[in-house]
């Protein structure tokens, strides 16, 4: 199988770096840097593959190596990771990626220099939480006393008690969540909230902070643990690469897809925004689904896909480079 160049991430350096034989391949392969000005791509020579078509076992194995390489590089440099599975065919293409993306890559490296990501996950110790919820709720205590005075608790009584407990748990969860977020974000530069994996998990967030603040941030987590009376189990994961705050998405556009899109539009020669937009409007009027039969609706879908391909090509050439960040929805 032919080798290509696998790109793990980008660092700020003007000299070639050799990180040893730790890269993706049939056996551990050399990881080094390909540079442009004062930025460099961390790469290895790896078999050209399409990861979404590989067996899960191989994909997982390479993902583990991908993360390991980035973490090793982190020991010496701030690294902006690339999306797992990013490859180019040649070193020349890697250099073109750096040249084309230089303004963006240099800017991101400047913003992220000296920063780390710490992920904080908090789960409930449910038996302990239930005890404190009952202890602190007069409504629950009164209902329990009311039921205890009866010879037999009715179904309605049990349902009512359960609803009181559930309401108290939800209120406690919201209070715990807000306390954690407001306490920890004061020491962080940025925060990304992640989805909760199950009912026991009450907090899951990534924090961007200066490396020098790692110890004091961890101390804040310990203080929260004590304040919550050991009802919550905290896990601090990291330092991690800046996955949640700055991951580079890099995609090479297939020249054949551009030519097919040009044929769909009936265009030849140099492309411009105006030419593409004008042609799209003209063709869209002819095959819009509101005016054509169901059979012709596919024509409009193909037209729209061709439009996106051509506009991406005009704006970005055959390479698209952008920074991806997780959704941030905290106040």
Foldseek 3Di string as FASTA:
>chain_A
DAWFKDFWWKFFAPDKDWLQQQADEPGRFTWIWDDDHGMTTTITTYHDDDLVPDDPVSNVVRVVSSQVVQVSVVVPTQTATAPPPDTDHYSVVVVVCCVLCVVVRVVVNVVQGQKFKKKKWKFFPVVVVLVVLCVPDPVLVVLVVVCVVDPHRDPVSVVVSVVSSVVSVVVVLVVLAVVVVVQLQVQAPDKFFDDDPDPRISGIIMGMHGPVCVVVSVVSVVVSCVVVVVRMDMDMDDRGRPVQAWYKYKAFADVVLLVVLCVLLVDDDDDDPVVLVVSLVVVCVVQPPVPDPPVSNVSNVSNVVSSVSNVCCNVRNRMDIDIDHHDHDDD
